[in-house]
C-alpha atoms as a PDB file:
ATOM      1  CA  UNK A   1     -46.152  25.736  -9.824  1.00  0.00           C
ATOM      2  CA  UNK A   2     -44.097  29.192  -9.068  1.00  0.00           C
ATOM      3  CA  UNK A   3     -40.871  27.679  -8.114  1.00  0.00           C
ATOM      4  CA  UNK A   4     -38.260  29.242  -5.388  1.00  0.00           C
ATOM      5  CA  UNK A   5     -34.869  30.410  -5.605  1.00  0.00           C
ATOM      6  CA  UNK A   6     -33.354  32.559  -3.080  1.00  0.00           C
ATOM      7  CA  UNK A   7     -29.834  34.578  -2.452  1.00  0.00           C
ATOM      8  CA  UNK A   8     -30.804  37.060  -0.197  1.00  0.00           C
ATOM      9  CA  UNK A   9     -33.313  38.975   1.953  1.00  0.00           C
ATOM     10  CA  UNK A  10     -33.110  42.141   3.327  1.00  0.00           C
ATOM     11  CA  UNK A  11     -34.688  42.954   7.067  1.00  0.00           C
ATOM     12  CA  UNK A  12     -35.374  46.218   8.214  1.00  0.00           C
ATOM     13  CA  UNK A  13     -36.978  45.248  12.286  1.00  0.00           C
ATOM     14  CA  UNK A  14     -37.549  48.680  14.147  1.00  0.00           C
ATOM     15  CA  UNK A  15     -33.860  50.013  13.751  1.00  0.00           C
ATOM     16  CA  UNK A  16     -31.980  46.745  13.377  1.00  0.00           C
ATOM     17  CA  UNK A  17     -30.814  45.638   9.487  1.00  0.00           C
ATOM     18  CA  UNK A  18     -30.020  41.903   8.774  1.00  0.00           C
ATOM     19  CA  UNK A  19     -29.592  39.640   6.369  1.00  0.00           C
ATOM     20  CA  UNK A  20     -30.854  36.255   5.659  1.00  0.00           C
ATOM     21  CA  UNK A  21     -31.703  33.654   2.858  1.00  0.00           C
ATOM     22  CA  UNK A  22     -31.104  29.989   1.414  1.00  0.00           C
ATOM     23  CA  UNK A  23     -34.458  28.101   2.331  1.00  0.00           C
ATOM     24  CA  UNK A  24     -34.488  24.700   0.652  1.00  0.00           C
ATOM     25  CA  UNK A  25     -35.908  24.954  -2.525  1.00  0.00           C
ATOM     26  CA  UNK A  26     -39.208  23.250  -3.703  1.00  0.00           C
ATOM     27  CA  UNK A  27     -37.775  20.239  -6.533  1.00  0.00           C
ATOM     28  CA  UNK A  28     -40.532  18.354  -6.088  1.00  0.00           C
ATOM     29  CA  UNK A  29     -42.754  18.176  -9.223  1.00  0.00           C
ATOM     30  CA  UNK A  30     -45.312  16.844  -8.187  1.00  0.00           C
ATOM     31  CA  UNK A  31     -45.684  19.053  -5.051  1.00  0.00           C
ATOM     32  CA  UNK A  32     -48.647  21.129  -5.020  1.00  0.00           C
ATOM     33  CA  UNK A  33     -47.389  23.754  -2.149  1.00  0.00           C
ATOM     34  CA  UNK A  34     -47.343  27.136  -3.403  1.00  0.00           C
ATOM     35  CA  UNK A  35     -44.421  28.565  -3.724  1.00  0.00           C
ATOM     36  CA  UNK A  36     -43.251  32.121  -5.233  1.00  0.00           C
ATOM     37  CA  UNK A  37     -41.294  32.775  -8.373  1.00  0.00           C
ATOM     38  CA  UNK A  38     -38.116  34.753  -7.647  1.00  0.00           C
ATOM     39  CA  UNK A  39     -38.738  38.335  -8.471  1.00  0.00           C
ATOM     40  CA  UNK A  40     -42.225  37.999  -9.418  1.00  0.00           C
ATOM     41  CA  UNK A  41     -42.744  41.271  -8.006  1.00  0.00           C
ATOM     42  CA  UNK A  42     -40.226  42.677 -11.029  1.00  0.00           C
ATOM     43  CA  UNK A  43     -37.891  45.678 -10.395  1.00  0.00           C
ATOM     44  CA  UNK A  44     -38.289  47.793  -7.192  1.00  0.00           C
ATOM     45  CA  UNK A  45     -37.392  51.678  -7.583  1.00  0.00           C
ATOM     46  CA  UNK A  46     -37.900  53.419  -4.865  1.00  0.00           C
ATOM     47  CA  UNK A  47     -37.480  57.298  -5.973  1.00  0.00           C
ATOM     48  CA  UNK A  48     -39.663  58.983  -2.889  1.00  0.00           C
ATOM     49  CA  UNK A  49     -38.359  59.809   0.452  1.00  0.00           C
ATOM     50  CA  UNK A  50     -40.143  57.674   3.518  1.00  0.00           C
ATOM     51  CA  UNK A  51     -41.823  54.761   0.787  1.00  0.00           C
ATOM     52  CA  UNK A  52     -43.758  52.167   2.703  1.00  0.00           C
ATOM     53  CA  UNK A  53     -43.423  48.961   0.446  1.00  0.00           C
ATOM     54  CA  UNK A  54     -44.717  46.683   2.715  1.00  0.00           C
ATOM     55  CA  UNK A  55     -48.280  46.050   3.947  1.00  0.00           C
ATOM     56  CA  UNK A  56     -49.434  44.720   7.999  1.00  0.00           C
ATOM     57  CA  UNK A  57     -52.056  42.698   9.622  1.00  0.00           C
ATOM     58  CA  UNK A  58     -52.838  42.506  12.860  1.00  0.00           C
ATOM     59  CA  UNK A  59     -52.658  38.331  14.166  1.00  0.00           C
ATOM     60  CA  UNK A  60     -56.749  37.906  15.272  1.00  0.00           C
ATOM     61  CA  UNK A  61     -55.994  34.263  17.060  1.00  0.00           C
ATOM     62  CA  UNK A  62     -53.047  32.748  18.615  1.00  0.00           C
ATOM     63  CA  UNK A  63     -51.091  30.467  16.919  1.00  0.00           C
ATOM     64  CA  UNK A  64     -48.934  26.930  17.415  1.00  0.00           C
ATOM     65  CA  UNK A  65     -46.281  25.749  16.824  1.00  0.00           C
ATOM     66  CA  UNK A  66     -47.072  23.290  13.501  1.00  0.00           C
ATOM     67  CA  UNK A  67     -50.230  25.034  12.711  1.00  0.00           C
ATOM     68  CA  UNK A  68     -50.584  25.657   9.120  1.00  0.00           C
ATOM     69  CA  UNK A  69     -53.100  28.715   8.367  1.00  0.00           C
ATOM     70  CA  UNK A  70     -53.228  31.879  10.077  1.00  0.00           C
ATOM     71  CA  UNK A  71     -55.915  34.397  11.245  1.00  0.00           C
ATOM     72  CA  UNK A  72     -55.683  37.972  10.592  1.00  0.00           C
ATOM     73  CA  UNK A  73     -57.965  40.808  11.489  1.00  0.00           C
ATOM     74  CA  UNK A  74     -58.291  42.080   8.034  1.00  0.00           C
ATOM     75  CA  UNK A  75     -56.949  40.860   4.627  1.00  0.00           C
ATOM     76  CA  UNK A  76     -57.434  43.328   2.903  1.00  0.00           C
ATOM     77  CA  UNK A  77     -54.771  45.429   4.897  1.00  0.00           C
ATOM     78  CA  UNK A  78     -52.576  43.537   3.083  1.00  0.00           C
ATOM     79  CA  UNK A  79     -53.682  44.921   0.378  1.00  0.00           C
ATOM     80  CA  UNK A  80     -51.043  47.121  -1.433  1.00  0.00           C
ATOM     81  CA  UNK A  81     -51.068  49.296  -5.230  1.00  0.00           C
ATOM     82  CA  UNK A  82     -47.598  47.980  -5.990  1.00  0.00           C
ATOM     83  CA  UNK A  83     -48.836  44.004  -5.510  1.00  0.00           C
ATOM     84  CA  UNK A  84     -52.855  43.939  -5.463  1.00  0.00           C
ATOM     85  CA  UNK A  85     -54.372  41.580  -2.820  1.00  0.00           C
ATOM     86  CA  UNK A  86     -52.879  39.057  -0.990  1.00  0.00           C
ATOM     87  CA  UNK A  87     -53.160  35.419  -2.140  1.00  0.00           C
ATOM     88  CA  UNK A  88     -51.130  32.104  -3.498  1.00  0.00           C
ATOM     89  CA  UNK A  89     -47.372  32.546  -3.226  1.00  0.00           C
ATOM     90  CA  UNK A  90     -47.152  35.604  -2.130  1.00  0.00           C
ATOM     91  CA  UNK A  91     -44.411  36.108   1.214  1.00  0.00           C
ATOM     92  CA  UNK A  92     -45.435  36.818   4.136  1.00  0.00           C
ATOM     93  CA  UNK A  93     -43.699  37.632   7.728  1.00  0.00           C
ATOM     94  CA  UNK A  94     -45.149  36.988  11.303  1.00  0.00           C
ATOM     95  CA  UNK A  95     -43.439  38.406  13.913  1.00  0.00           C
ATOM     96  CA  UNK A  96     -44.315  38.843  17.509  1.00  0.00           C
ATOM     97  CA  UNK A  97     -43.398  42.329  18.794  1.00  0.00           C
ATOM     98  CA  UNK A  98     -44.097  41.836  22.153  1.00  0.00           C
ATOM     99  CA  UNK A  99     -45.211  39.472  25.057  1.00  0.00           C
ATOM    100  CA  UNK A 100     -42.515  39.079  27.580  1.00  0.00           C
ATOM    101  CA  UNK A 101     -42.682  38.817  31.405  1.00  0.00           C
ATOM    102  CA  UNK A 102     -40.790  41.138  34.050  1.00  0.00           C
ATOM    103  CA  UNK A 103     -39.784  41.160  37.682  1.00  0.00           C
ATOM    104  CA  UNK A 104     -42.599  44.169  39.013  1.00  0.00           C
ATOM    105  CA  UNK A 105     -40.492  44.352  42.060  1.00  0.00           C
ATOM    106  CA  UNK A 106     -40.420  48.027  43.397  1.00  0.00           C
ATOM    107  CA  UNK A 107     -36.671  48.225  43.543  1.00  0.00           C
ATOM    108  CA  UNK A 108     -33.419  47.649  41.202  1.00  0.00           C
ATOM    109  CA  UNK A 109     -34.725  44.093  40.108  1.00  0.00           C
ATOM    110  CA  UNK A 110     -37.995  45.667  38.599  1.00  0.00           C
ATOM    111  CA  UNK A 111     -37.659  45.398  34.999  1.00  0.00           C
ATOM    112  CA  UNK A 112     -36.097  42.114  34.706  1.00  0.00           C
ATOM    113  CA  UNK A 113     -36.894  39.663  32.202  1.00  0.00           C
ATOM    114  CA  UNK A 114     -38.018  36.291  33.557  1.00  0.00           C
ATOM    115  CA  UNK A 115     -39.428  34.639  30.355  1.00  0.00           C
ATOM    116  CA  UNK A 116     -39.377  36.135  26.783  1.00  0.00           C
ATOM    117  CA  UNK A 117     -42.814  34.349  26.078  1.00  0.00           C
ATOM    118  CA  UNK A 118     -41.803  34.224  22.441  1.00  0.00           C
ATOM    119  CA  UNK A 119     -41.059  38.197  22.094  1.00  0.00           C
ATOM    120  CA  UNK A 120     -38.898  38.650  19.430  1.00  0.00           C
ATOM    121  CA  UNK A 121     -40.073  35.184  17.332  1.00  0.00           C
ATOM    122  CA  UNK A 122     -40.301  35.482  13.629  1.00  0.00           C
ATOM    123  CA  UNK A 123     -40.304  33.766  10.669  1.00  0.00           C
ATOM    124  CA  UNK A 124     -41.578  34.088   6.600  1.00  0.00           C
ATOM    125  CA  UNK A 125     -43.824  31.730   5.718  1.00  0.00           C
ATOM    126  CA  UNK A 126     -45.701  31.176   1.409  1.00  0.00           C
ATOM    127  CA  UNK A 127     -49.262  31.839   1.463  1.00  0.00           C
ATOM    128  CA  UNK A 128     -51.120  28.774  -0.834  1.00  0.00           C
ATOM    129  CA  UNK A 129     -54.847  30.626  -0.453  1.00  0.00           C
ATOM    130  CA  UNK A 130     -56.928  33.243   1.292  1.00  0.00           C
ATOM    131  CA  UNK A 131     -60.198  32.563   2.438  1.00  0.00           C
ATOM    132  CA  UNK A 132     -61.783  35.774   4.460  1.00  0.00           C
ATOM    133  CA  UNK A 133     -59.400  36.466   6.682  1.00  0.00           C
ATOM    134  CA  UNK A 134     -57.817  33.307   7.409  1.00  0.00           C
ATOM    135  CA  UNK A 135     -54.366  32.713   5.323  1.00  0.00           C
ATOM    136  CA  UNK A 136     -53.513  28.953   4.219  1.00  0.00           C
ATOM    137  CA  UNK A 137     -49.624  28.563   4.413  1.00  0.00           C
ATOM    138  CA  UNK A 138     -47.099  26.480   2.266  1.00  0.00           C
ATOM    139  CA  UNK A 139     -45.702  24.627   5.521  1.00  0.00           C
ATOM    140  CA  UNK A 140     -46.750  24.994   8.835  1.00  0.00           C
ATOM    141  CA  UNK A 141     -45.393  27.042  11.167  1.00  0.00           C
ATOM    142  CA  UNK A 142     -41.973  26.697  13.281  1.00  0.00           C
ATOM    143  CA  UNK A 143     -42.813  29.152  16.168  1.00  0.00           C
ATOM    144  CA  UNK A 144     -46.206  29.658  18.130  1.00  0.00           C
ATOM    145  CA  UNK A 145     -47.634  33.159  18.522  1.00  0.00           C
ATOM    146  CA  UNK A 146     -49.943  35.082  20.513  1.00  0.00           C
ATOM    147  CA  UNK A 147     -52.393  37.942  20.163  1.00  0.00           C
ATOM    148  CA  UNK A 148     -51.387  39.179  23.537  1.00  0.00           C
ATOM    149  CA  UNK A 149     -48.100  39.281  22.316  1.00  0.00           C
ATOM    150  CA  UNK A 150     -49.022  42.046  19.577  1.00  0.00           C
ATOM    151  CA  UNK A 151     -47.904  39.291  16.755  1.00  0.00           C
ATOM    152  CA  UNK A 152     -48.411  41.104  13.137  1.00  0.00           C
ATOM    153  CA  UNK A 153     -48.289  39.993   9.386  1.00  0.00           C
ATOM    154  CA  UNK A 154     -46.281  41.702   6.998  1.00  0.00           C
ATOM    155  CA  UNK A 155     -46.484  41.373   2.894  1.00  0.00           C
ATOM    156  CA  UNK A 156     -42.864  41.090   2.041  1.00  0.00           C
ATOM    157  CA  UNK A 157     -42.602  42.539  -1.628  1.00  0.00           C
ATOM    158  CA  UNK A 158     -40.684  39.429  -3.900  1.00  0.00           C
ATOM    159  CA  UNK A 159     -38.201  41.866  -6.158  1.00  0.00           C
ATOM    160  CA  UNK A 160     -35.807  40.373  -8.966  1.00  0.00           C
ATOM    161  CA  UNK A 161     -33.905  43.750  -8.157  1.00  0.00           C
ATOM    162  CA  UNK A 162     -34.246  46.826  -5.828  1.00  0.00           C
ATOM    163  CA  UNK A 163     -33.067  50.104  -6.418  1.00  0.00           C
ATOM    164  CA  UNK A 164     -33.348  52.530  -3.828  1.00  0.00           C
ATOM    165  CA  UNK A 165     -31.896  55.991  -5.716  1.00  0.00           C
ATOM    166  CA  UNK A 166     -30.683  58.858  -3.992  1.00  0.00           C
ATOM    167  CA  UNK A 167     -33.151  60.911  -3.200  1.00  0.00           C
ATOM    168  CA  UNK A 168     -35.482  57.864  -2.499  1.00  0.00           C
ATOM    169  CA  UNK A 169     -35.695  55.842   1.342  1.00  0.00           C
ATOM    170  CA  UNK A 170     -37.373  52.895   2.436  1.00  0.00           C
ATOM    171  CA  UNK A 171     -39.640  53.200   5.503  1.00  0.00           C
ATOM    172  CA  UNK A 172     -42.468  52.048   7.421  1.00  0.00           C
ATOM    173  CA  UNK A 173     -45.479  53.475   9.385  1.00  0.00           C
ATOM    174  CA  UNK A 174     -44.973  53.999  12.845  1.00  0.00           C
ATOM    175  CA  UNK A 175     -45.604  51.326  15.293  1.00  0.00           C
ATOM    176  CA  UNK A 176     -49.611  51.960  16.706  1.00  0.00           C
ATOM    177  CA  UNK A 177     -49.489  48.916  19.381  1.00  0.00           C
ATOM    178  CA  UNK A 178     -50.733  46.732  16.432  1.00  0.00           C
ATOM    179  CA  UNK A 179     -48.831  46.946  13.546  1.00  0.00           C
ATOM    180  CA  UNK A 180     -46.067  48.709  11.656  1.00  0.00           C
ATOM    181  CA  UNK A 181     -42.155  49.388  12.843  1.00  0.00           C
ATOM    182  CA  UNK A 182     -41.197  46.493  10.677  1.00  0.00           C
ATOM    183  CA  UNK A 183     -39.626  46.748   6.914  1.00  0.00           C
ATOM    184  CA  UNK A 184     -38.960  43.967   5.501  1.00  0.00           C
ATOM    185  CA  UNK A 185     -37.864  43.190   1.436  1.00  0.00           C
ATOM    186  CA  UNK A 186     -36.516  40.076  -0.443  1.00  0.00           C
ATOM    187  CA  UNK A 187     -34.647  40.841  -3.612  1.00  0.00           C
ATOM    188  CA  UNK A 188     -33.802  37.850  -5.868  1.00  0.00           C
ATOM    189  CA  UNK A 189     -30.790  38.767  -7.578  1.00  0.00           C
ATOM    190  CA  UNK A 190     -29.276  42.868  -6.897  1.00  0.00           C
ATOM    191  CA  UNK A 191     -30.280  45.747  -3.737  1.00  0.00           C
ATOM    192  CA  UNK A 192     -28.184  49.116  -4.523  1.00  0.00           C
ATOM    193  CA  UNK A 193     -29.163  51.356  -1.990  1.00  0.00           C
ATOM    194  CA  UNK A 194     -28.411  55.149  -2.966  1.00  0.00           C
ATOM    195  CA  UNK A 195     -30.869  55.925  -0.749  1.00  0.00           C
ATOM    196  CA  UNK A 196     -31.454  54.739   3.351  1.00  0.00           C
ATOM    197  CA  UNK A 197     -33.778  51.812   4.712  1.00  0.00           C
ATOM    198  CA  UNK A 198     -35.199  54.220   7.667  1.00  0.00           C
ATOM    199  CA  UNK A 199     -37.177  53.265  10.134  1.00  0.00           C
ATOM    200  CA  UNK A 200     -35.934  55.947  12.785  1.00  0.00           C
ATOM    201  CA  UNK A 201     -38.532  56.677  15.412  1.00  0.00           C
ATOM    202  CA  UNK A 202     -40.991  54.231  13.695  1.00  0.00           C
ATOM    203  CA  UNK A 203     -40.318  51.315  16.613  1.00  0.00           C
ATOM    204  CA  UNK A 204     -41.358  51.219  20.192  1.00  0.00           C
ATOM    205  CA  UNK A 205     -43.030  54.457  21.382  1.00  0.00           C
ATOM    206  CA  UNK A 206     -41.457  56.613  24.214  1.00  0.00           C
ATOM    207  CA  UNK A 207     -43.449  57.540  27.768  1.00  0.00           C
ATOM    208  CA  UNK A 208     -46.284  60.172  27.107  1.00  0.00           C
ATOM    209  CA  UNK A 209     -45.217  63.676  28.334  1.00  0.00           C
ATOM    210  CA  UNK A 210     -47.306  64.022  31.690  1.00  0.00           C
ATOM    211  CA  UNK A 211     -47.071  68.142  33.021  1.00  0.00           C
ATOM    212  CA  UNK A 212     -47.929  66.953  36.611  1.00  0.00           C
ATOM    213  CA  UNK A 213     -45.798  68.798  39.512  1.00  0.00           C
ATOM    214  CA  UNK A 214     -42.976  66.023  40.597  1.00  0.00           C
ATOM    215  CA  UNK A 215     -42.093  65.296  44.008  1.00  0.00           C
ATOM    216  CA  UNK A 216     -38.478  65.677  45.728  1.00  0.00           C
ATOM    217  CA  UNK A 217     -36.689  63.115  45.771  1.00  0.00           C
ATOM    218  CA  UNK A 218     -38.715  60.350  44.334  1.00  0.00           C
ATOM    219  CA  UNK A 219     -37.401  57.240  44.385  1.00  0.00           C
ATOM    220  CA  UNK A 220     -40.105  54.679  43.194  1.00  0.00           C
ATOM    221  CA  UNK A 221     -38.770  51.795  40.441  1.00  0.00           C
ATOM    222  CA  UNK A 222     -42.748  51.793  39.698  1.00  0.00           C
ATOM    223  CA  UNK A 223     -45.573  53.464  40.629  1.00  0.00           C
ATOM    224  CA  UNK A 224     -49.599  54.910  39.849  1.00  0.00           C
ATOM    225  CA  UNK A 225     -48.755  58.268  41.041  1.00  0.00           C
ATOM    226  CA  UNK A 226     -47.619  60.402  37.996  1.00  0.00           C
ATOM    227  CA  UNK A 227     -46.440  62.682  40.657  1.00  0.00           C
ATOM    228  CA  UNK A 228     -43.322  60.286  41.774  1.00  0.00           C
ATOM    229  CA  UNK A 229     -41.612  59.904  38.273  1.00  0.00           C
ATOM    230  CA  UNK A 230     -42.303  60.112  34.196  1.00  0.00           C
ATOM    231  CA  UNK A 231     -43.592  57.498  31.815  1.00  0.00           C
ATOM    232  CA  UNK A 232     -42.014  54.353  31.354  1.00  0.00           C
ATOM    233  CA  UNK A 233     -41.400  53.690  27.610  1.00  0.00           C
ATOM    234  CA  UNK A 234     -42.323  50.746  25.743  1.00  0.00           C
ATOM    235  CA  UNK A 235     -40.358  47.889  25.141  1.00  0.00           C
ATOM    236  CA  UNK A 236     -41.018  43.539  24.634  1.00  0.00           C
ATOM    237  CA  UNK A 237     -42.497  44.100  27.720  1.00  0.00           C
ATOM    238  CA  UNK A 238     -45.347  46.288  26.909  1.00  0.00           C
ATOM    239  CA  UNK A 239     -46.646  49.831  27.222  1.00  0.00           C
ATOM    240  CA  UNK A 240     -48.476  51.788  29.667  1.00  0.00           C
ATOM    241  CA  UNK A 241     -51.735  49.724  30.348  1.00  0.00           C
ATOM    242  CA  UNK A 242     -49.708  46.451  30.393  1.00  0.00           C
ATOM    243  CA  UNK A 243     -47.209  48.247  33.073  1.00  0.00           C
ATOM    244  CA  UNK A 244     -50.201  49.404  35.257  1.00  0.00           C
ATOM    245  CA  UNK A 245     -50.754  45.378  35.917  1.00  0.00           C
ATOM    246  CA  UNK A 246     -47.586  45.761  37.301  1.00  0.00           C
ATOM    247  CA  UNK A 247     -47.967  48.378  39.650  1.00  0.00           C
ATOM    248  CA  UNK A 248     -47.679  51.575  37.224  1.00  0.00           C
ATOM    249  CA  UNK A 249     -46.766  53.265  34.521  1.00  0.00           C
ATOM    250  CA  UNK A 250     -44.117  55.856  36.013  1.00  0.00           C
ATOM    251  CA  UNK A 251     -40.901  55.382  37.970  1.00  0.00           C
ATOM    252  CA  UNK A 252     -37.190  55.129  37.346  1.00  0.00           C
ATOM    253  CA  UNK A 253     -37.640  51.177  36.414  1.00  0.00           C
ATOM    254  CA  UNK A 254     -36.392  50.566  33.283  1.00  0.00           C
ATOM    255  CA  UNK A 255     -39.183  47.407  31.921  1.00  0.00           C
ATOM    256  CA  UNK A 256     -37.122  45.021  30.005  1.00  0.00           C
ATOM    257  CA  UNK A 257     -35.467  46.713  27.127  1.00  0.00           C
ATOM    258  CA  UNK A 258     -38.020  50.276  27.500  1.00  0.00           C
ATOM    259  CA  UNK A 259     -36.451  53.108  29.103  1.00  0.00           C
ATOM    260  CA  UNK A 260     -37.457  54.121  32.833  1.00  0.00           C
ATOM    261  CA  UNK A 261     -38.882  57.156  33.898  1.00  0.00           C
ATOM    262  CA  UNK A 262     -37.656  60.229  34.218  1.00  0.00           C
ATOM    263  CA  UNK A 263     -37.788  63.104  36.891  1.00  0.00           C
ATOM    264  CA  UNK A 264     -36.976  60.453  39.900  1.00  0.00           C
ATOM    265  CA  UNK A 265     -33.734  59.868  41.743  1.00  0.00           C
ATOM    266  CA  UNK A 266     -31.089  59.145  39.321  1.00  0.00           C
ATOM    267  CA  UNK A 267     -33.804  58.807  36.840  1.00  0.00           C
ATOM    268  CA  UNK A 268     -32.202  60.650  34.157  1.00  0.00           C
ATOM    269  CA  UNK A 269     -33.814  63.437  34.371  1.00  0.00           C
ATOM    270  CA  UNK A 270     -36.945  64.441  31.938  1.00  0.00           C
ATOM    271  CA  UNK A 271     -37.076  63.665  28.020  1.00  0.00           C
ATOM    272  CA  UNK A 272     -35.555  59.955  28.172  1.00  0.00           C
ATOM    273  CA  UNK A 273     -37.538  57.432  27.999  1.00  0.00           C
ATOM    274  CA  UNK A 274     -40.668  60.406  27.384  1.00  0.00           C
ATOM    275  CA  UNK A 275     -39.387  61.130  23.665  1.00  0.00           C
ATOM    276  CA  UNK A 276     -40.546  64.495  24.839  1.00  0.00           C
ATOM    277  CA  UNK A 277     -43.938  63.811  22.652  1.00  0.00           C
ATOM    278  CA  UNK A 278     -42.950  67.087  20.359  1.00  0.00           C
ATOM    279  CA  UNK A 279     -42.152  69.412  23.191  1.00  0.00           C
ATOM    280  CA  UNK A 280     -38.949  70.679  23.015  1.00  0.00           C
ATOM    281  CA  UNK A 281     -36.778  71.504  25.847  1.00  0.00           C
ATOM    282  CA  UNK A 282     -36.157  75.336  26.568  1.00  0.00           C
ATOM    283  CA  UNK A 283     -33.566  74.945  29.667  1.00  0.00           C
END
């Protein structure tokens, strides 16, 4: 039976770095629950820039608090060259990226959050087995997770020690609306970071560039007309198609933590939530 002795976790979610650790170890010698062996993935040495150490799959069915299984869209996506296929004793992060409810009023109240709807919930779980795309967990989930909230499951390496050299860096694939944008690493002993953990620009997406002409004195907070404001940026309340269902993806109103569209009156000008989409402003 594998035992657990945690001392730390390095976690980068979008652009946030946090630390957590010390869950209670399984000291019952009769227990059959799989627990990870501290440092079972050995020493991680990252000497190449933009190295991805995680793997990602999307939740394929809603999971309730207390569930001891989760279903992903494709468990083979959690395989990595360094760690192999996901299986018993592996560490996973379940994280709901979106799902918040906001006001759709076409005034200054637009984008006010009325319910988080689970957005931002995450927890670390241990796999006891994998059958197809269903993963059995060592302990029940503490939180509920929804597929409508674009929940993803992230494979987390369990290093004895981690070194990121000055030439190396850890990153994540860019968030694509289903997976990515998250770095999570468990380190039992020391983490020596001479290079960065950097997910700059890999998180929620900016509003898409739209080259339609803009009307004068546009004041809409949300609108379906691209002539009345630029596109809004992504956030915990969703992205463009979600905003369409709330009156439109354009306009100056900021949806929760997403950016409001530019070009409107007091909207901040072009760019902003647009993120320029690769187009360079020349004046």
